[in-house]
């Protein structure tokens, strides 16, 4: 049951995130006391982008990722992104 409440809390945060650089939550489905989040489609992700590159990102490119407006928007709303990880 704890997972349901954790997911419900996450849903409450996600529905407040309305920014062009944040993947949109399209729908939430509740089934057997579980919540399933349905997000807009993305044709790639950062992990895939890094893995497919032949050389590391430049300092300028890395800075661009770190200054993303979506992340700034989340911080201004009082939230952080728990999945960001250092190299």
PDB file of N, CA and C in Angstrom:
ATOM      1  N   UNK A   1       0.819  -1.189   0.000  1.00  0.00           N
ATOM      2  CA  UNK A   1       0.000   0.000   0.000  1.00  0.00           C
ATOM      3  C   UNK A   1       0.867   1.258   0.000  1.00  0.00           C
ATOM      4  N   UNK A   2       2.044   1.168   0.573  1.00  0.00           N
ATOM      5  CA  UNK A   2       2.948   2.321   0.627  1.00  0.00           C
ATOM      6  C   UNK A   2       3.293   2.810  -0.774  1.00  0.00           C
ATOM      7  N   UNK A   3       3.501   1.885  -1.722  1.00  0.00           N
ATOM      8  CA  UNK A   3       3.840   2.244  -3.087  1.00  0.00           C
ATOM      9  C   UNK A   3       2.731   3.087  -3.726  1.00  0.00           C
ATOM     10  N   UNK A   4       1.483   2.761  -3.431  1.00  0.00           N
ATOM     11  CA  UNK A   4       0.348   3.516  -3.957  1.00  0.00           C
ATOM     12  C   UNK A   4       0.430   4.967  -3.498  1.00  0.00           C
ATOM     13  N   UNK A   5       0.698   5.190  -2.219  1.00  0.00           N
ATOM     14  CA  UNK A   5       0.754   6.550  -1.693  1.00  0.00           C
ATOM     15  C   UNK A   5       1.967   7.311  -2.205  1.00  0.00           C
ATOM     16  N   UNK A   6       3.066   6.619  -2.395  1.00  0.00           N
ATOM     17  CA  UNK A   6       4.250   7.245  -2.990  1.00  0.00           C
ATOM     18  C   UNK A   6       3.940   7.686  -4.414  1.00  0.00           C
ATOM     19  N   UNK A   7       3.307   6.808  -5.184  1.00  0.00           N
ATOM     20  CA  UNK A   7       2.938   7.146  -6.553  1.00  0.00           C
ATOM     21  C   UNK A   7       1.899   8.267  -6.606  1.00  0.00           C
ATOM     22  N   UNK A   8       0.976   8.256  -5.662  1.00  0.00           N
ATOM     23  CA  UNK A   8      -0.034   9.317  -5.608  1.00  0.00           C
ATOM     24  C   UNK A   8       0.629  10.667  -5.348  1.00  0.00           C
ATOM     25  N   UNK A   9       1.590  10.695  -4.450  1.00  0.00           N
ATOM     26  CA  UNK A   9       2.339  11.927  -4.162  1.00  0.00           C
ATOM     27  C   UNK A   9       3.096  12.386  -5.406  1.00  0.00           C
ATOM     28  N   UNK A  10       3.703  11.450  -6.114  1.00  0.00           N
ATOM     29  CA  UNK A  10       4.419  11.786  -7.342  1.00  0.00           C
ATOM     30  C   UNK A  10       3.452  12.340  -8.396  1.00  0.00           C
ATOM     31  N   UNK A  11       2.273  11.756  -8.495  1.00  0.00           N
ATOM     32  CA  UNK A  11       1.256  12.257  -9.423  1.00  0.00           C
ATOM     33  C   UNK A  11       0.895  13.701  -9.097  1.00  0.00           C
ATOM     34  N   UNK A  12       0.717  14.005  -7.821  1.00  0.00           N
ATOM     35  CA  UNK A  12       0.347  15.366  -7.415  1.00  0.00           C
ATOM     36  C   UNK A  12       1.412  16.370  -7.850  1.00  0.00           C
ATOM     37  N   UNK A  13       2.670  15.970  -7.794  1.00  0.00           N
ATOM     38  CA  UNK A  13       3.760  16.847  -8.229  1.00  0.00           C
ATOM     39  C   UNK A  13       3.766  16.961  -9.752  1.00  0.00           C
ATOM     40  N   UNK A  14       3.671  15.832 -10.437  1.00  0.00           N
ATOM     41  CA  UNK A  14       3.751  15.830 -11.895  1.00  0.00           C
ATOM     42  C   UNK A  14       2.653  16.653 -12.558  1.00  0.00           C
ATOM     43  N   UNK A  15       1.478  16.658 -11.978  1.00  0.00           N
ATOM     44  CA  UNK A  15       0.404  17.429 -12.608  1.00  0.00           C
ATOM     45  C   UNK A  15       0.624  18.932 -12.483  1.00  0.00           C
ATOM     46  N   UNK A  16       1.533  19.352 -11.592  1.00  0.00           N
ATOM     47  CA  UNK A  16       1.867  20.769 -11.450  1.00  0.00           C
ATOM     48  C   UNK A  16       2.963  21.197 -12.428  1.00  0.00           C
ATOM     49  N   UNK A  17       3.635  20.230 -13.059  1.00  0.00           N
ATOM     50  CA  UNK A  17       4.731  20.535 -13.968  1.00  0.00           C
ATOM     51  C   UNK A  17       4.197  20.769 -15.374  1.00  0.00           C
ATOM     52  N   UNK A  18       4.132  22.010 -15.768  1.00  0.00           N
ATOM     53  CA  UNK A  18       3.659  22.362 -17.098  1.00  0.00           C
ATOM     54  C   UNK A  18       4.714  23.241 -17.753  1.00  0.00           C
ATOM     55  N   UNK A  19       5.621  22.613 -18.491  1.00  0.00           N
ATOM     56  CA  UNK A  19       6.741  23.321 -19.117  1.00  0.00           C
ATOM     57  C   UNK A  19       7.140  22.563 -20.377  1.00  0.00           C
ATOM     58  N   UNK A  20       7.541  23.291 -21.389  1.00  0.00           N
ATOM     59  CA  UNK A  20       7.883  22.654 -22.670  1.00  0.00           C
ATOM     60  C   UNK A  20       9.084  21.714 -22.582  1.00  0.00           C
ATOM     61  N   UNK A  21       9.931  21.865 -21.561  1.00  0.00           N
ATOM     62  CA  UNK A  21      11.094  21.001 -21.412  1.00  0.00           C
ATOM     63  C   UNK A  21      10.884  19.886 -20.390  1.00  0.00           C
ATOM     64  N   UNK A  22       9.653  19.670 -19.990  1.00  0.00           N
ATOM     65  CA  UNK A  22       9.336  18.583 -19.064  1.00  0.00           C
ATOM     66  C   UNK A  22       8.322  17.671 -19.755  1.00  0.00           C
ATOM     67  N   UNK A  23       8.608  16.382 -19.763  1.00  0.00           N
ATOM     68  CA  UNK A  23       7.714  15.415 -20.402  1.00  0.00           C
ATOM     69  C   UNK A  23       6.351  15.484 -19.718  1.00  0.00           C
ATOM     70  N   UNK A  24       5.321  15.583 -20.518  1.00  0.00           N
ATOM     71  CA  UNK A  24       3.972  15.758 -19.985  1.00  0.00           C
ATOM     72  C   UNK A  24       3.345  14.437 -19.544  1.00  0.00           C
ATOM     73  N   UNK A  25       2.733  14.492 -18.379  1.00  0.00           N
ATOM     74  CA  UNK A  25       1.946  13.383 -17.883  1.00  0.00           C
ATOM     75  C   UNK A  25       0.602  13.449 -18.593  1.00  0.00           C
ATOM     76  N   UNK A  26       0.283  12.430 -19.387  1.00  0.00           N
ATOM     77  CA  UNK A  26      -0.942  12.433 -20.186  1.00  0.00           C
ATOM     78  C   UNK A  26      -2.135  11.834 -19.446  1.00  0.00           C
ATOM     79  N   UNK A  27      -1.872  10.771 -18.696  1.00  0.00           N
ATOM     80  CA  UNK A  27      -2.982  10.058 -18.067  1.00  0.00           C
ATOM     81  C   UNK A  27      -2.456   9.233 -16.902  1.00  0.00           C
ATOM     82  N   UNK A  28      -3.324   8.962 -15.951  1.00  0.00           N
ATOM     83  CA  UNK A  28      -3.002   8.069 -14.838  1.00  0.00           C
ATOM     84  C   UNK A  28      -4.082   7.002 -14.790  1.00  0.00           C
ATOM     85  N   UNK A  29      -3.650   5.753 -14.703  1.00  0.00           N
ATOM     86  CA  UNK A  29      -4.579   4.628 -14.643  1.00  0.00           C
ATOM     87  C   UNK A  29      -4.394   3.946 -13.290  1.00  0.00           C
ATOM     88  N   UNK A  30      -5.496   3.746 -12.597  1.00  0.00           N
ATOM     89  CA  UNK A  30      -5.441   3.029 -11.316  1.00  0.00           C
ATOM     90  C   UNK A  30      -6.010   1.640 -11.529  1.00  0.00           C
ATOM     91  N   UNK A  31      -5.206   0.640 -11.161  1.00  0.00           N
ATOM     92  CA  UNK A  31      -5.625  -0.745 -11.321  1.00  0.00           C
ATOM     93  C   UNK A  31      -5.129  -1.539 -10.120  1.00  0.00           C
ATOM     94  N   UNK A  32      -6.037  -2.174  -9.421  1.00  0.00           N
ATOM     95  CA  UNK A  32      -5.680  -2.976  -8.236  1.00  0.00           C
ATOM     96  C   UNK A  32      -4.802  -2.203  -7.258  1.00  0.00           C
ATOM     97  N   UNK A  33      -5.208  -1.008  -6.934  1.00  0.00           N
ATOM     98  CA  UNK A  33      -4.484  -0.151  -5.986  1.00  0.00           C
ATOM     99  C   UNK A  33      -3.075   0.206  -6.445  1.00  0.00           C
ATOM    100  N   UNK A  34      -2.827   0.157  -7.740  1.00  0.00           N
ATOM    101  CA  UNK A  34      -1.561   0.609  -8.316  1.00  0.00           C
ATOM    102  C   UNK A  34      -1.858   1.741  -9.283  1.00  0.00           C
ATOM    103  N   UNK A  35      -0.951   2.710  -9.334  1.00  0.00           N
ATOM    104  CA  UNK A  35      -1.078   3.799 -10.287  1.00  0.00           C
ATOM    105  C   UNK A  35      -0.069   3.601 -11.406  1.00  0.00           C
ATOM    106  N   UNK A  36      -0.522   3.758 -12.639  1.00  0.00           N
ATOM    107  CA  UNK A  36       0.344   3.673 -13.809  1.00  0.00           C
ATOM    108  C   UNK A  36       0.325   5.025 -14.507  1.00  0.00           C
ATOM    109  N   UNK A  37       1.500   5.607 -14.700  1.00  0.00           N
ATOM    110  CA  UNK A  37       1.611   6.919 -15.330  1.00  0.00           C
ATOM    111  C   UNK A  37       1.847   6.755 -16.823  1.00  0.00           C
ATOM    112  N   UNK A  38       1.116   7.486 -17.600  1.00  0.00           N
ATOM    113  CA  UNK A  38       1.274   7.471 -19.055  1.00  0.00           C
ATOM    114  C   UNK A  38       1.767   8.851 -19.472  1.00  0.00           C
ATOM    115  N   UNK A  39       2.966   8.876 -20.051  1.00  0.00           N
ATOM    116  CA  UNK A  39       3.609  10.129 -20.442  1.00  0.00           C
ATOM    117  C   UNK A  39       3.574  10.298 -21.955  1.00  0.00           C
ATOM    118  N   UNK A  40       3.814  11.523 -22.399  1.00  0.00           N
ATOM    119  CA  UNK A  40       3.915  11.768 -23.832  1.00  0.00           C
ATOM    120  C   UNK A  40       5.101  10.976 -24.382  1.00  0.00           C
ATOM    121  N   UNK A  41       5.061  10.659 -25.659  1.00  0.00           N
ATOM    122  CA  UNK A  41       6.100   9.870 -26.307  1.00  0.00           C
ATOM    123  C   UNK A  41       7.350  10.712 -26.553  1.00  0.00           C
ATOM    124  N   UNK A  42       8.503  10.128 -26.281  1.00  0.00           N
ATOM    125  CA  UNK A  42       9.795  10.741 -26.619  1.00  0.00           C
ATOM    126  C   UNK A  42      10.544   9.767 -27.505  1.00  0.00           C
ATOM    127  N   UNK A  43      11.118  10.264 -28.593  1.00  0.00           N
ATOM    128  CA  UNK A  43      11.806   9.359 -29.513  1.00  0.00           C
ATOM    129  C   UNK A  43      13.234   9.025 -29.079  1.00  0.00           C
ATOM    130  N   UNK A  44      13.752   9.671 -28.038  1.00  0.00           N
ATOM    131  CA  UNK A  44      15.063   9.300 -27.493  1.00  0.00           C
ATOM    132  C   UNK A  44      15.126   9.775 -26.050  1.00  0.00           C
ATOM    133  N   UNK A  45      16.180   9.382 -25.358  1.00  0.00           N
ATOM    134  CA  UNK A  45      16.387   9.832 -23.982  1.00  0.00           C
ATOM    135  C   UNK A  45      17.871  10.106 -23.780  1.00  0.00           C
ATOM    136  N   UNK A  46      18.203  10.740 -22.689  1.00  0.00           N
ATOM    137  CA  UNK A  46      19.585  11.146 -22.446  1.00  0.00           C
ATOM    138  C   UNK A  46      20.525   9.940 -22.386  1.00  0.00           C
ATOM    139  N   UNK A  47      20.095   8.869 -21.748  1.00  0.00           N
ATOM    140  CA  UNK A  47      20.929   7.674 -21.672  1.00  0.00           C
ATOM    141  C   UNK A  47      21.258   7.155 -23.071  1.00  0.00           C
ATOM    142  N   UNK A  48      20.235   7.060 -23.903  1.00  0.00           N
ATOM    143  CA  UNK A  48      20.415   6.571 -25.272  1.00  0.00           C
ATOM    144  C   UNK A  48      21.350   7.497 -26.053  1.00  0.00           C
ATOM    145  N   UNK A  49      21.169   8.783 -25.880  1.00  0.00           N
ATOM    146  CA  UNK A  49      21.998   9.772 -26.564  1.00  0.00           C
ATOM    147  C   UNK A  49      23.468   9.631 -26.171  1.00  0.00           C
ATOM    148  N   UNK A  50      23.731   9.463 -24.884  1.00  0.00           N
ATOM    149  CA  UNK A  50      25.105   9.310 -24.392  1.00  0.00           C
ATOM    150  C   UNK A  50      25.717   8.014 -24.909  1.00  0.00           C
ATOM    151  N   UNK A  51      24.959   6.929 -24.835  1.00  0.00           N
ATOM    152  CA  UNK A  51      25.463   5.608 -25.238  1.00  0.00           C
ATOM    153  C   UNK A  51      25.817   5.548 -26.725  1.00  0.00           C
ATOM    154  N   UNK A  52      25.060   6.270 -27.555  1.00  0.00           N
ATOM    155  CA  UNK A  52      25.279   6.220 -28.999  1.00  0.00           C
ATOM    156  C   UNK A  52      26.378   7.163 -29.483  1.00  0.00           C
ATOM    157  N   UNK A  53      26.844   8.049 -28.640  1.00  0.00           N
ATOM    158  CA  UNK A  53      27.887   9.000 -29.048  1.00  0.00           C
ATOM    159  C   UNK A  53      29.243   8.320 -29.145  1.00  0.00           C
ATOM    160  N   UNK A  54      30.050   8.795 -30.068  1.00  0.00           N
ATOM    161  CA  UNK A  54      31.399   8.238 -30.225  1.00  0.00           C
ATOM    162  C   UNK A  54      32.415   8.944 -29.343  1.00  0.00           C
ATOM    163  N   UNK A  55      32.090  10.152 -28.897  1.00  0.00           N
ATOM    164  CA  UNK A  55      33.011  10.895 -28.017  1.00  0.00           C
ATOM    165  C   UNK A  55      32.185  11.550 -26.908  1.00  0.00           C
ATOM    166  N   UNK A  56      32.820  11.889 -25.781  1.00  0.00           N
ATOM    167  CA  UNK A  56      32.087  12.517 -24.671  1.00  0.00           C
ATOM    168  C   UNK A  56      31.528  13.889 -25.075  1.00  0.00           C
ATOM    169  N   UNK A  57      30.525  14.339 -24.344  1.00  0.00           N
ATOM    170  CA  UNK A  57      29.997  15.674 -24.583  1.00  0.00           C
ATOM    171  C   UNK A  57      31.048  16.709 -24.231  1.00  0.00           C
ATOM    172  N   UNK A  58      31.042  17.811 -24.952  1.00  0.00           N
ATOM    173  CA  UNK A  58      31.961  18.907 -24.645  1.00  0.00           C
ATOM    174  C   UNK A  58      31.490  19.598 -23.366  1.00  0.00           C
ATOM    175  N   UNK A  59      32.352  20.439 -22.817  1.00  0.00           N
ATOM    176  CA  UNK A  59      31.995  21.201 -21.619  1.00  0.00           C
ATOM    177  C   UNK A  59      30.778  22.092 -21.897  1.00  0.00           C
ATOM    178  N   UNK A  60      30.727  22.665 -23.087  1.00  0.00           N
ATOM    179  CA  UNK A  60      29.603  23.527 -23.463  1.00  0.00           C
ATOM    180  C   UNK A  60      28.289  22.732 -23.526  1.00  0.00           C
ATOM    181  N   UNK A  61      28.347  21.543 -24.137  1.00  0.00           N
ATOM    182  CA  UNK A  61      27.144  20.703 -24.228  1.00  0.00           C
ATOM    183  C   UNK A  61      26.674  20.263 -22.842  1.00  0.00           C
ATOM    184  N   UNK A  62      27.618  19.889 -21.990  1.00  0.00           N
ATOM    185  CA  UNK A  62      27.283  19.471 -20.635  1.00  0.00           C
ATOM    186  C   UNK A  62      26.629  20.618 -19.878  1.00  0.00           C
ATOM    187  N   UNK A  63      27.183  21.809 -20.029  1.00  0.00           N
ATOM    188  CA  UNK A  63      26.607  22.991 -19.381  1.00  0.00           C
ATOM    189  C   UNK A  63      25.189  23.239 -19.835  1.00  0.00           C
ATOM    190  N   UNK A  64      24.936  23.006 -21.112  1.00  0.00           N
ATOM    191  CA  UNK A  64      23.593  23.186 -21.660  1.00  0.00           C
ATOM    192  C   UNK A  64      22.604  22.230 -20.989  1.00  0.00           C
ATOM    193  N   UNK A  65      23.000  20.976 -20.803  1.00  0.00           N
ATOM    194  CA  UNK A  65      22.128  20.010 -20.126  1.00  0.00           C
ATOM    195  C   UNK A  65      21.844  20.461 -18.689  1.00  0.00           C
ATOM    196  N   UNK A  66      22.874  20.955 -18.017  1.00  0.00           N
ATOM    197  CA  UNK A  66      22.740  21.327 -16.615  1.00  0.00           C
ATOM    198  C   UNK A  66      21.898  22.593 -16.431  1.00  0.00           C
ATOM    199  N   UNK A  67      21.828  23.419 -17.445  1.00  0.00           N
ATOM    200  CA  UNK A  67      21.061  24.663 -17.341  1.00  0.00           C
ATOM    201  C   UNK A  67      19.666  24.550 -17.936  1.00  0.00           C
ATOM    202  N   UNK A  68      19.231  23.349 -18.164  1.00  0.00           N
ATOM    203  CA  UNK A  68      17.934  23.157 -18.797  1.00  0.00           C
ATOM    204  C   UNK A  68      16.849  23.932 -18.069  1.00  0.00           C
ATOM    205  N   UNK A  69      16.030  24.588 -18.849  1.00  0.00           N
ATOM    206  CA  UNK A  69      14.967  25.407 -18.286  1.00  0.00           C
ATOM    207  C   UNK A  69      13.942  24.574 -17.526  1.00  0.00           C
ATOM    208  N   UNK A  70      13.706  23.360 -17.967  1.00  0.00           N
ATOM    209  CA  UNK A  70      12.754  22.497 -17.275  1.00  0.00           C
ATOM    210  C   UNK A  70      13.182  22.213 -15.851  1.00  0.00           C
ATOM    211  N   UNK A  71      14.459  21.948 -15.664  1.00  0.00           N
ATOM    212  CA  UNK A  71      14.989  21.687 -14.330  1.00  0.00           C
ATOM    213  C   UNK A  71      14.855  22.937 -13.462  1.00  0.00           C
ATOM    214  N   UNK A  72      15.146  24.073 -14.026  1.00  0.00           N
ATOM    215  CA  UNK A  72      15.002  25.335 -13.312  1.00  0.00           C
ATOM    216  C   UNK A  72      13.539  25.558 -12.911  1.00  0.00           C
ATOM    217  N   UNK A  73      12.634  25.240 -13.822  1.00  0.00           N
ATOM    218  CA  UNK A  73      11.201  25.381 -13.546  1.00  0.00           C
ATOM    219  C   UNK A  73      10.800  24.512 -12.353  1.00  0.00           C
ATOM    220  N   UNK A  74      11.294  23.274 -12.325  1.00  0.00           N
ATOM    221  CA  UNK A  74      10.983  22.376 -11.218  1.00  0.00           C
ATOM    222  C   UNK A  74      11.492  22.946  -9.902  1.00  0.00           C
ATOM    223  N   UNK A  75      12.721  23.456  -9.914  1.00  0.00           N
ATOM    224  CA  UNK A  75      13.302  24.010  -8.689  1.00  0.00           C
ATOM    225  C   UNK A  75      12.505  25.211  -8.199  1.00  0.00           C
ATOM    226  N   UNK A  76      12.050  26.054  -9.120  1.00  0.00           N
ATOM    227  CA  UNK A  76      11.255  27.225  -8.737  1.00  0.00           C
ATOM    228  C   UNK A  76       9.929  26.812  -8.101  1.00  0.00           C
ATOM    229  N   UNK A  77       9.411  25.655  -8.492  1.00  0.00           N
ATOM    230  CA  UNK A  77       8.169  25.131  -7.918  1.00  0.00           C
ATOM    231  C   UNK A  77       8.420  24.419  -6.579  1.00  0.00           C
ATOM    232  N   UNK A  78       9.703  24.295  -6.198  1.00  0.00           N
ATOM    233  CA  UNK A  78      10.040  23.669  -4.926  1.00  0.00           C
ATOM    234  C   UNK A  78      10.276  22.175  -4.993  1.00  0.00           C
ATOM    235  N   UNK A  79      10.552  21.656  -6.209  1.00  0.00           N
ATOM    236  CA  UNK A  79      10.791  20.227  -6.372  1.00  0.00           C
ATOM    237  C   UNK A  79      12.172  19.986  -6.954  1.00  0.00           C
ATOM    238  N   UNK A  80      12.680  18.769  -6.789  1.00  0.00           N
ATOM    239  CA  UNK A  80      13.936  18.377  -7.405  1.00  0.00           C
ATOM    240  C   UNK A  80      13.719  17.084  -8.177  1.00  0.00           C
ATOM    241  N   UNK A  81      14.636  16.780  -9.060  1.00  0.00           N
ATOM    242  CA  UNK A  81      14.525  15.583  -9.879  1.00  0.00           C
ATOM    243  C   UNK A  81      15.433  14.528  -9.279  1.00  0.00           C
ATOM    244  N   UNK A  82      14.823  13.481  -8.742  1.00  0.00           N
ATOM    245  CA  UNK A  82      15.607  12.477  -8.004  1.00  0.00           C
ATOM    246  C   UNK A  82      16.431  11.567  -8.911  1.00  0.00           C
ATOM    247  N   UNK A  83      16.179  11.586 -10.213  1.00  0.00           N
ATOM    248  CA  UNK A  83      16.860  10.670 -11.124  1.00  0.00           C
ATOM    249  C   UNK A  83      18.098  11.280 -11.783  1.00  0.00           C
ATOM    250  N   UNK A  84      18.433  12.522 -11.480  1.00  0.00           N
ATOM    251  CA  UNK A  84      19.661  13.095 -12.025  1.00  0.00           C
ATOM    252  C   UNK A  84      20.838  12.508 -11.267  1.00  0.00           C
ATOM    253  N   UNK A  85      21.812  12.025 -11.997  1.00  0.00           N
ATOM    254  CA  UNK A  85      22.945  11.382 -11.356  1.00  0.00           C
ATOM    255  C   UNK A  85      24.253  11.941 -11.922  1.00  0.00           C
ATOM    256  N   UNK A  86      25.247  12.130 -11.073  1.00  0.00           N
ATOM    257  CA  UNK A  86      26.549  12.573 -11.582  1.00  0.00           C
ATOM    258  C   UNK A  86      27.228  11.447 -12.354  1.00  0.00           C
ATOM    259  N   UNK A  87      28.227  11.799 -13.145  1.00  0.00           N
ATOM    260  CA  UNK A  87      28.976  10.786 -13.924  1.00  0.00           C
ATOM    261  C   UNK A  87      29.668   9.817 -13.014  1.00  0.00           C
TER     262      UNK A  87
END
